[in-house]
Amino acid sequence: YRKCPRLAEARGSEILRGNKVFLRTAGGTFVSSTPKGNVVVSWPNCGKWEGMLLDTDSEAALRSGDTVYLKVHTGKRITSVPKNGVVHGKWNHRASWQRLQIIKDGGGVVRAGDAVRLRTNTTQLWLFVAGKRVKGDGSRGGKTSLFVIDKLA
């Protein structure tokens, strides 16, 4: 959290609908969306490109197993294309290709600083890191599919 002290301040607090969240990889880089909508993991920053607005169907604290939608800085949502596993932030739909299920080992309330996985709605496969890109066709829940979810204090 050296470059992102405001994220450290929020550790342990519940994640709620409307929070600006950040997904950090095991390598310390954050998931980000470029202005063209490419979803990448290139930088250890927690700025505009890395922040995503969390949308859910519930106003309660986020729990493991809940459905989430992630809106990137361009106003578009993270989308997982089922045919090829491409993950992008180019469309503003709120439908099945944008629907993700958040899973926390051990279940329960999801808090800032928790390790989570995101499963696609259409294929039931995991989002995972492949090089510098995020893909949506991971069949294993290994280290590359694990993200730490953070939010601003």
N, C-alpha and C. Protein backbone atom coordinates (compact mmCIF):
# COMPACT_ATOMS: atom_id res chain seq x y z
N TYR A 1 0.81 -1.21 0.00
CA TYR A 1 0.00 0.00 0.00
C TYR A 1 0.85 1.26 0.00
N ARG A 2 2.13 1.11 -0.30
CA ARG A 2 3.04 2.26 -0.27
C ARG A 2 2.56 3.38 -1.18
N LYS A 3 2.11 3.05 -2.39
CA LYS A 3 1.64 4.08 -3.31
C LYS A 3 0.17 4.43 -3.09
N CYS A 4 -0.51 3.68 -2.24
CA CYS A 4 -1.95 3.85 -2.06
C CYS A 4 -2.33 3.83 -0.58
N PRO A 5 -1.87 4.80 0.21
CA PRO A 5 -2.14 4.76 1.65
C PRO A 5 -3.62 4.83 1.99
N ARG A 6 -4.44 5.46 1.14
CA ARG A 6 -5.87 5.54 1.44
C ARG A 6 -6.54 4.17 1.39
N LEU A 7 -5.97 3.24 0.64
CA LEU A 7 -6.52 1.89 0.62
C LEU A 7 -6.21 1.17 1.93
N ALA A 8 -5.02 1.39 2.46
CA ALA A 8 -4.63 0.76 3.72
C ALA A 8 -5.54 1.21 4.86
N GLU A 9 -5.98 2.46 4.82
CA GLU A 9 -6.85 2.99 5.88
C GLU A 9 -8.19 2.28 5.92
N ALA A 10 -8.65 1.75 4.79
CA ALA A 10 -9.97 1.12 4.72
C ALA A 10 -9.94 -0.38 5.01
N ARG A 11 -8.77 -0.96 5.19
CA ARG A 11 -8.67 -2.41 5.41
C ARG A 11 -9.59 -2.86 6.53
N GLY A 12 -10.30 -3.95 6.27
CA GLY A 12 -11.19 -4.53 7.27
C GLY A 12 -12.60 -3.99 7.24
N SER A 13 -12.84 -2.90 6.50
CA SER A 13 -14.20 -2.35 6.43
C SER A 13 -15.02 -3.09 5.38
N GLU A 14 -16.33 -3.15 5.60
CA GLU A 14 -17.22 -3.85 4.68
C GLU A 14 -17.23 -3.18 3.31
N ILE A 15 -17.36 -4.01 2.28
CA ILE A 15 -17.51 -3.51 0.91
C ILE A 15 -19.01 -3.36 0.66
N LEU A 16 -19.41 -2.20 0.14
CA LEU A 16 -20.82 -1.89 -0.09
C LEU A 16 -21.06 -1.45 -1.53
N ARG A 17 -22.30 -1.60 -1.98
CA ARG A 17 -22.69 -1.10 -3.29
C ARG A 17 -22.37 0.40 -3.34
N GLY A 18 -21.79 0.83 -4.46
CA GLY A 18 -21.44 2.22 -4.62
C GLY A 18 -20.01 2.55 -4.21
N ASN A 19 -19.32 1.61 -3.55
CA ASN A 19 -17.91 1.84 -3.20
C ASN A 19 -17.05 1.84 -4.45
N LYS A 20 -16.00 2.64 -4.42
CA LYS A 20 -14.98 2.58 -5.46
C LYS A 20 -14.00 1.51 -5.00
N VAL A 21 -13.90 0.43 -5.78
CA VAL A 21 -13.06 -0.70 -5.40
C VAL A 21 -11.88 -0.84 -6.34
N PHE A 22 -10.88 -1.54 -5.86
CA PHE A 22 -9.64 -1.81 -6.60
C PHE A 22 -9.34 -3.29 -6.45
N LEU A 23 -8.85 -3.92 -7.52
CA LEU A 23 -8.48 -5.33 -7.48
C LEU A 23 -6.97 -5.43 -7.67
N ARG A 24 -6.29 -5.94 -6.65
CA ARG A 24 -4.83 -6.06 -6.68
C ARG A 24 -4.45 -7.51 -6.90
N THR A 25 -3.46 -7.73 -7.77
CA THR A 25 -3.00 -9.07 -8.08
C THR A 25 -1.96 -9.52 -7.06
N ALA A 26 -1.61 -10.81 -7.12
CA ALA A 26 -0.56 -11.34 -6.24
C ALA A 26 0.77 -10.65 -6.49
N GLY A 27 0.98 -10.15 -7.70
CA GLY A 27 2.22 -9.45 -8.04
C GLY A 27 2.25 -7.99 -7.62
N GLY A 28 1.17 -7.49 -7.03
CA GLY A 28 1.14 -6.11 -6.55
C GLY A 28 0.62 -5.09 -7.53
N THR A 29 0.30 -5.52 -8.75
CA THR A 29 -0.28 -4.59 -9.72
C THR A 29 -1.80 -4.60 -9.57
N PHE A 30 -2.43 -3.54 -10.06
CA PHE A 30 -3.87 -3.43 -9.96
C PHE A 30 -4.52 -3.64 -11.32
N VAL A 31 -5.71 -4.23 -11.30
CA VAL A 31 -6.50 -4.34 -12.52
C VAL A 31 -6.88 -2.92 -12.92
N SER A 32 -6.70 -2.60 -14.19
CA SER A 32 -7.07 -1.27 -14.66
C SER A 32 -7.69 -1.38 -16.05
N SER A 33 -8.41 -0.35 -16.42
CA SER A 33 -9.02 -0.27 -17.74
C SER A 33 -8.44 0.94 -18.46
N THR A 34 -7.87 0.70 -19.62
CA THR A 34 -7.32 1.79 -20.41
C THR A 34 -8.46 2.60 -21.03
N PRO A 35 -8.19 3.80 -21.53
CA PRO A 35 -9.25 4.58 -22.17
C PRO A 35 -9.92 3.85 -23.35
N LYS A 36 -9.20 2.91 -23.98
CA LYS A 36 -9.78 2.13 -25.08
C LYS A 36 -10.55 0.91 -24.58
N GLY A 37 -10.58 0.69 -23.26
CA GLY A 37 -11.36 -0.40 -22.69
C GLY A 37 -10.62 -1.70 -22.50
N ASN A 38 -9.31 -1.72 -22.72
CA ASN A 38 -8.54 -2.93 -22.46
C ASN A 38 -8.38 -3.10 -20.95
N VAL A 39 -8.61 -4.30 -20.45
CA VAL A 39 -8.47 -4.57 -19.02
C VAL A 39 -7.12 -5.23 -18.80
N VAL A 40 -6.24 -4.53 -18.09
CA VAL A 40 -4.84 -4.93 -17.96
C VAL A 40 -4.42 -4.93 -16.49
N VAL A 41 -3.24 -5.48 -16.23
CA VAL A 41 -2.65 -5.47 -14.88
C VAL A 41 -1.20 -5.05 -15.01
N SER A 42 -0.97 -3.80 -15.30
CA SER A 42 0.37 -3.32 -15.61
C SER A 42 1.01 -2.44 -14.56
N TRP A 43 0.24 -1.79 -13.70
CA TRP A 43 0.79 -0.76 -12.84
C TRP A 43 0.45 -0.99 -11.36
N PRO A 44 1.33 -0.54 -10.45
CA PRO A 44 1.04 -0.65 -9.02
C PRO A 44 0.30 0.58 -8.49
N ASN A 45 -0.46 1.23 -9.34
CA ASN A 45 -1.15 2.47 -8.99
C ASN A 45 -2.57 2.19 -8.52
N CYS A 46 -3.15 3.14 -7.80
CA CYS A 46 -4.56 3.05 -7.42
C CYS A 46 -5.23 4.38 -7.79
N GLY A 47 -5.13 4.71 -9.06
CA GLY A 47 -5.67 5.97 -9.55
C GLY A 47 -6.97 5.79 -10.32
N LYS A 48 -7.23 6.74 -11.20
CA LYS A 48 -8.47 6.78 -11.96
C LYS A 48 -8.71 5.52 -12.78
N TRP A 49 -7.69 5.04 -13.47
CA TRP A 49 -7.86 3.87 -14.34
C TRP A 49 -8.10 2.59 -13.55
N GLU A 50 -7.64 2.55 -12.31
CA GLU A 50 -7.75 1.33 -11.51
C GLU A 50 -9.04 1.25 -10.69
N GLY A 51 -9.64 2.37 -10.38
CA GLY A 51 -10.85 2.37 -9.57
C GLY A 51 -12.06 1.92 -10.35
N MET A 52 -12.92 1.12 -9.71
CA MET A 52 -14.14 0.62 -10.34
C MET A 52 -15.30 0.81 -9.37
N LEU A 53 -16.41 1.29 -9.88
CA LEU A 53 -17.60 1.48 -9.06
C LEU A 53 -18.31 0.14 -8.92
N LEU A 54 -18.53 -0.29 -7.69
CA LEU A 54 -19.17 -1.57 -7.42
C LEU A 54 -20.68 -1.41 -7.46
N ASP A 55 -21.33 -2.24 -8.25
CA ASP A 55 -22.78 -2.27 -8.35
C ASP A 55 -23.24 -3.68 -7.99
N THR A 56 -24.25 -3.79 -7.17
CA THR A 56 -24.82 -5.08 -6.80
C THR A 56 -26.34 -4.96 -6.80
N ASP A 57 -27.01 -6.09 -6.61
CA ASP A 57 -28.46 -6.07 -6.53
C ASP A 57 -28.94 -5.87 -5.09
N SER A 58 -28.01 -5.78 -4.15
CA SER A 58 -28.36 -5.67 -2.74
C SER A 58 -27.74 -4.42 -2.14
N GLU A 59 -28.41 -3.85 -1.16
CA GLU A 59 -27.85 -2.70 -0.45
C GLU A 59 -27.08 -3.14 0.79
N ALA A 60 -27.13 -4.43 1.11
CA ALA A 60 -26.42 -4.95 2.27
C ALA A 60 -24.93 -5.06 1.96
N ALA A 61 -24.14 -5.32 2.98
CA ALA A 61 -22.70 -5.53 2.79
C ALA A 61 -22.49 -6.68 1.81
N LEU A 62 -21.48 -6.56 0.99
CA LEU A 62 -21.15 -7.58 0.00
C LEU A 62 -20.77 -8.88 0.71
N ARG A 63 -21.32 -9.99 0.21
CA ARG A 63 -21.03 -11.31 0.77
C ARG A 63 -20.49 -12.22 -0.33
N SER A 64 -19.71 -13.20 0.08
CA SER A 64 -19.23 -14.21 -0.86
C SER A 64 -20.43 -14.86 -1.53
N GLY A 65 -20.37 -14.99 -2.85
CA GLY A 65 -21.48 -15.56 -3.62
C GLY A 65 -22.37 -14.53 -4.26
N ASP A 66 -22.25 -13.25 -3.85
CA ASP A 66 -23.08 -12.18 -4.43
C ASP A 66 -22.70 -11.91 -5.88
N THR A 67 -23.67 -11.40 -6.62
CA THR A 67 -23.46 -10.95 -7.98
C THR A 67 -22.98 -9.50 -7.95
N VAL A 68 -21.96 -9.20 -8.75
CA VAL A 68 -21.45 -7.83 -8.83
C VAL A 68 -21.29 -7.42 -10.28
N TYR A 69 -21.32 -6.12 -10.48
CA TYR A 69 -21.00 -5.48 -11.76
C TYR A 69 -19.95 -4.42 -11.45
N LEU A 70 -18.95 -4.30 -12.29
CA LEU A 70 -17.86 -3.35 -12.04
C LEU A 70 -17.81 -2.32 -13.16
N LYS A 71 -18.04 -1.06 -12.81
CA LYS A 71 -18.02 0.03 -13.78
C LYS A 71 -16.67 0.73 -13.71
N VAL A 72 -16.00 0.82 -14.86
CA VAL A 72 -14.68 1.44 -14.93
C VAL A 72 -14.80 2.95 -15.14
N HIS A 73 -13.67 3.64 -15.15
CA HIS A 73 -13.63 5.10 -15.20
C HIS A 73 -14.28 5.71 -16.44
N THR A 74 -14.44 4.95 -17.50
CA THR A 74 -15.07 5.47 -18.72
C THR A 74 -16.59 5.39 -18.66
N GLY A 75 -17.13 4.81 -17.58
CA GLY A 75 -18.57 4.63 -17.46
C GLY A 75 -19.04 3.30 -18.03
N LYS A 76 -18.14 2.52 -18.58
CA LYS A 76 -18.47 1.20 -19.13
C LYS A 76 -18.27 0.15 -18.04
N ARG A 77 -18.78 -1.05 -18.28
CA ARG A 77 -18.65 -2.12 -17.29
C ARG A 77 -17.69 -3.20 -17.77
N ILE A 78 -17.04 -3.84 -16.79
CA ILE A 78 -16.20 -4.99 -17.09
C ILE A 78 -17.09 -6.05 -17.73
N THR A 79 -16.65 -6.57 -18.86
CA THR A 79 -17.40 -7.55 -19.63
C THR A 79 -16.52 -8.75 -19.92
N SER A 80 -17.06 -9.95 -19.75
CA SER A 80 -16.35 -11.18 -20.10
C SER A 80 -17.07 -11.82 -21.28
N VAL A 81 -16.40 -11.89 -22.42
CA VAL A 81 -16.99 -12.45 -23.64
C VAL A 81 -16.86 -13.98 -23.56
N PRO A 82 -17.99 -14.71 -23.58
CA PRO A 82 -17.93 -16.15 -23.35
C PRO A 82 -17.22 -16.95 -24.44
N LYS A 83 -17.25 -16.50 -25.67
CA LYS A 83 -16.69 -17.29 -26.77
C LYS A 83 -15.17 -17.37 -26.74
N ASN A 84 -14.52 -16.29 -26.29
CA ASN A 84 -13.06 -16.26 -26.39
C ASN A 84 -12.36 -15.87 -25.09
N GLY A 85 -13.10 -15.63 -24.03
CA GLY A 85 -12.49 -15.30 -22.76
C GLY A 85 -11.95 -13.89 -22.64
N VAL A 86 -12.19 -13.06 -23.66
CA VAL A 86 -11.71 -11.68 -23.61
C VAL A 86 -12.48 -10.92 -22.52
N VAL A 87 -11.75 -10.17 -21.73
CA VAL A 87 -12.35 -9.30 -20.72
C VAL A 87 -12.03 -7.87 -21.12
N HIS A 88 -13.07 -7.04 -21.20
CA HIS A 88 -12.86 -5.64 -21.59
C HIS A 88 -13.82 -4.74 -20.82
N GLY A 89 -13.60 -3.45 -20.97
CA GLY A 89 -14.46 -2.44 -20.36
C GLY A 89 -14.97 -1.50 -21.43
N LYS A 90 -15.62 -2.04 -22.46
CA LYS A 90 -16.03 -1.24 -23.62
C LYS A 90 -17.53 -1.05 -23.73
N TRP A 91 -18.33 -1.78 -22.98
CA TRP A 91 -19.78 -1.70 -23.11
C TRP A 91 -20.40 -1.24 -21.80
N ASN A 92 -21.55 -0.55 -21.90
CA ASN A 92 -22.20 -0.09 -20.68
C ASN A 92 -23.41 -0.95 -20.30
N HIS A 93 -23.55 -2.11 -20.92
CA HIS A 93 -24.65 -3.02 -20.58
C HIS A 93 -24.57 -3.45 -19.11
N ARG A 94 -25.69 -3.85 -18.58
CA ARG A 94 -25.73 -4.48 -17.24
C ARG A 94 -26.52 -5.77 -17.42
N ALA A 95 -25.86 -6.76 -18.02
CA ALA A 95 -26.52 -8.01 -18.40
C ALA A 95 -25.60 -9.19 -18.07
N SER A 96 -25.89 -10.35 -18.64
CA SER A 96 -25.19 -11.58 -18.25
C SER A 96 -23.69 -11.53 -18.50
N TRP A 97 -23.22 -10.88 -19.55
CA TRP A 97 -21.78 -10.85 -19.83
C TRP A 97 -21.04 -9.94 -18.85
N GLN A 98 -21.75 -9.05 -18.19
CA GLN A 98 -21.14 -8.15 -17.21
C GLN A 98 -21.30 -8.68 -15.78
N ARG A 99 -22.12 -9.67 -15.60
CA ARG A 99 -22.43 -10.20 -14.27
C ARG A 99 -21.30 -11.12 -13.80
N LEU A 100 -20.78 -10.83 -12.62
CA LEU A 100 -19.71 -11.62 -12.01
C LEU A 100 -20.15 -12.06 -10.62
N GLN A 101 -19.70 -13.23 -10.21
CA GLN A 101 -19.97 -13.70 -8.86
C GLN A 101 -18.68 -13.59 -8.07
N ILE A 102 -18.74 -12.93 -6.93
CA ILE A 102 -17.55 -12.77 -6.10
C ILE A 102 -17.50 -13.91 -5.08
N ILE A 103 -16.34 -14.55 -4.99
CA ILE A 103 -16.16 -15.70 -4.09
C ILE A 103 -14.98 -15.43 -3.17
N LYS A 104 -15.23 -15.58 -1.88
CA LYS A 104 -14.18 -15.45 -0.86
C LYS A 104 -14.02 -16.81 -0.19
N ASP A 105 -12.80 -17.31 -0.11
CA ASP A 105 -12.57 -18.57 0.59
C ASP A 105 -13.10 -18.45 2.01
N GLY A 106 -13.88 -19.41 2.43
CA GLY A 106 -14.45 -19.37 3.77
C GLY A 106 -15.79 -18.66 3.84
N GLY A 107 -16.19 -17.99 2.75
CA GLY A 107 -17.49 -17.33 2.70
C GLY A 107 -17.57 -16.10 3.59
N GLY A 108 -18.79 -15.62 3.78
CA GLY A 108 -19.04 -14.50 4.68
C GLY A 108 -18.98 -13.14 4.02
N VAL A 109 -18.97 -12.12 4.86
CA VAL A 109 -18.91 -10.73 4.41
C VAL A 109 -17.56 -10.46 3.77
N VAL A 110 -17.57 -9.73 2.65
CA VAL A 110 -16.33 -9.36 1.97
C VAL A 110 -15.89 -8.00 2.50
N ARG A 111 -14.65 -7.94 2.96
CA ARG A 111 -14.09 -6.72 3.54
C ARG A 111 -12.88 -6.26 2.74
N ALA A 112 -12.59 -4.98 2.82
CA ALA A 112 -11.41 -4.43 2.16
C ALA A 112 -10.18 -5.18 2.66
N GLY A 113 -9.36 -5.64 1.72
CA GLY A 113 -8.17 -6.41 2.06
C GLY A 113 -8.37 -7.91 1.92
N ASP A 114 -9.60 -8.36 1.66
CA ASP A 114 -9.86 -9.79 1.49
C ASP A 114 -9.41 -10.28 0.12
N ALA A 115 -8.98 -11.53 0.07
CA ALA A 115 -8.66 -12.19 -1.19
C ALA A 115 -9.95 -12.79 -1.75
N VAL A 116 -10.22 -12.50 -3.01
CA VAL A 116 -11.45 -12.96 -3.66
C VAL A 116 -11.15 -13.48 -5.06
N ARG A 117 -12.11 -14.22 -5.59
CA ARG A 117 -12.09 -14.64 -6.99
C ARG A 117 -13.38 -14.16 -7.63
N LEU A 118 -13.34 -13.95 -8.94
CA LEU A 118 -14.52 -13.51 -9.68
C LEU A 118 -14.85 -14.54 -10.75
N ARG A 119 -16.08 -15.07 -10.69
CA ARG A 119 -16.53 -16.08 -11.64
C ARG A 119 -17.48 -15.44 -12.64
N THR A 120 -17.28 -15.75 -13.91
CA THR A 120 -18.16 -15.21 -14.94
C THR A 120 -19.52 -15.87 -14.86
N ASN A 121 -20.55 -15.14 -15.22
CA ASN A 121 -21.90 -15.66 -15.18
C ASN A 121 -22.17 -16.61 -16.34
N THR A 122 -21.67 -16.28 -17.51
CA THR A 122 -22.03 -17.03 -18.71
C THR A 122 -21.35 -18.39 -18.81
N THR A 123 -20.09 -18.49 -18.40
CA THR A 123 -19.35 -19.75 -18.54
C THR A 123 -19.01 -20.40 -17.21
N GLN A 124 -19.22 -19.68 -16.10
CA GLN A 124 -18.86 -20.15 -14.76
C GLN A 124 -17.36 -20.38 -14.62
N LEU A 125 -16.56 -19.69 -15.44
CA LEU A 125 -15.11 -19.77 -15.36
C LEU A 125 -14.59 -18.55 -14.62
N TRP A 126 -13.33 -18.59 -14.21
CA TRP A 126 -12.75 -17.54 -13.37
C TRP A 126 -12.07 -16.46 -14.20
N LEU A 127 -12.15 -15.22 -13.71
CA LEU A 127 -11.26 -14.19 -14.24
C LEU A 127 -9.87 -14.51 -13.71
N PHE A 128 -8.86 -14.33 -14.55
CA PHE A 128 -7.50 -14.61 -14.12
C PHE A 128 -6.53 -13.73 -14.89
N VAL A 129 -5.31 -13.63 -14.38
CA VAL A 129 -4.27 -12.82 -15.00
C VAL A 129 -3.48 -13.70 -15.95
N ALA A 130 -3.37 -13.24 -17.21
CA ALA A 130 -2.57 -13.93 -18.23
C ALA A 130 -1.59 -12.91 -18.78
N GLY A 131 -0.37 -12.93 -18.29
CA GLY A 131 0.60 -11.91 -18.68
C GLY A 131 0.19 -10.58 -18.11
N LYS A 132 -0.08 -9.61 -18.99
CA LYS A 132 -0.50 -8.28 -18.56
C LYS A 132 -2.00 -8.06 -18.78
N ARG A 133 -2.73 -9.10 -19.14
CA ARG A 133 -4.16 -8.97 -19.42
C ARG A 133 -4.98 -9.77 -18.42
N VAL A 134 -6.25 -9.41 -18.31
CA VAL A 134 -7.20 -10.19 -17.54
C VAL A 134 -8.04 -10.97 -18.54
N LYS A 135 -8.19 -12.26 -18.30
CA LYS A 135 -8.98 -13.14 -19.17
C LYS A 135 -10.14 -13.70 -18.35
N GLY A 136 -11.14 -14.20 -19.05
CA GLY A 136 -12.33 -14.71 -18.38
C GLY A 136 -12.62 -16.16 -18.65
N ASP A 137 -11.59 -16.96 -18.92
CA ASP A 137 -11.84 -18.37 -19.22
C ASP A 137 -10.96 -19.30 -18.41
N GLY A 138 -10.68 -18.91 -17.19
CA GLY A 138 -9.83 -19.73 -16.32
C GLY A 138 -10.63 -20.85 -15.67
N SER A 139 -10.20 -22.08 -15.86
CA SER A 139 -10.93 -23.22 -15.29
C SER A 139 -10.46 -23.56 -13.89
N ARG A 140 -9.32 -23.04 -13.48
CA ARG A 140 -8.80 -23.32 -12.14
C ARG A 140 -8.87 -22.07 -11.28
N GLY A 141 -9.03 -22.28 -10.01
CA GLY A 141 -9.05 -21.15 -9.08
C GLY A 141 -7.69 -20.95 -8.44
N GLY A 142 -6.63 -20.92 -9.21
CA GLY A 142 -5.28 -20.81 -8.67
C GLY A 142 -4.87 -19.39 -8.35
N LYS A 143 -3.57 -19.21 -8.15
CA LYS A 143 -3.00 -17.92 -7.74
C LYS A 143 -3.32 -16.81 -8.74
N THR A 144 -3.35 -17.13 -10.04
CA THR A 144 -3.60 -16.08 -11.04
C THR A 144 -5.05 -15.62 -11.05
N SER A 145 -5.94 -16.35 -10.38
CA SER A 145 -7.34 -15.92 -10.32
C SER A 145 -7.69 -15.27 -8.98
N LEU A 146 -6.69 -15.06 -8.15
CA LEU A 146 -6.91 -14.47 -6.83
C LEU A 146 -6.60 -12.97 -6.87
N PHE A 147 -7.53 -12.17 -6.37
CA PHE A 147 -7.37 -10.73 -6.32
C PHE A 147 -7.66 -10.26 -4.90
N VAL A 148 -6.94 -9.25 -4.45
CA VAL A 148 -7.27 -8.61 -3.18
C VAL A 148 -8.17 -7.43 -3.51
N ILE A 149 -9.34 -7.39 -2.89
CA ILE A 149 -10.26 -6.29 -3.13
C ILE A 149 -10.02 -5.21 -2.08
N ASP A 150 -9.87 -3.99 -2.55
CA ASP A 150 -9.66 -2.84 -1.67
C ASP A 150 -10.67 -1.76 -2.01
N LYS A 151 -10.78 -0.77 -1.14
CA LYS A 151 -11.63 0.38 -1.42
C LYS A 151 -11.00 1.60 -0.78
N LEU A 152 -11.46 2.77 -1.21
CA LEU A 152 -10.97 4.01 -0.63
C LEU A 152 -11.59 4.22 0.74
N ALA A 153 -10.81 4.77 1.65
CA ALA A 153 -11.31 5.07 3.00
C ALA A 153 -12.25 6.26 2.96
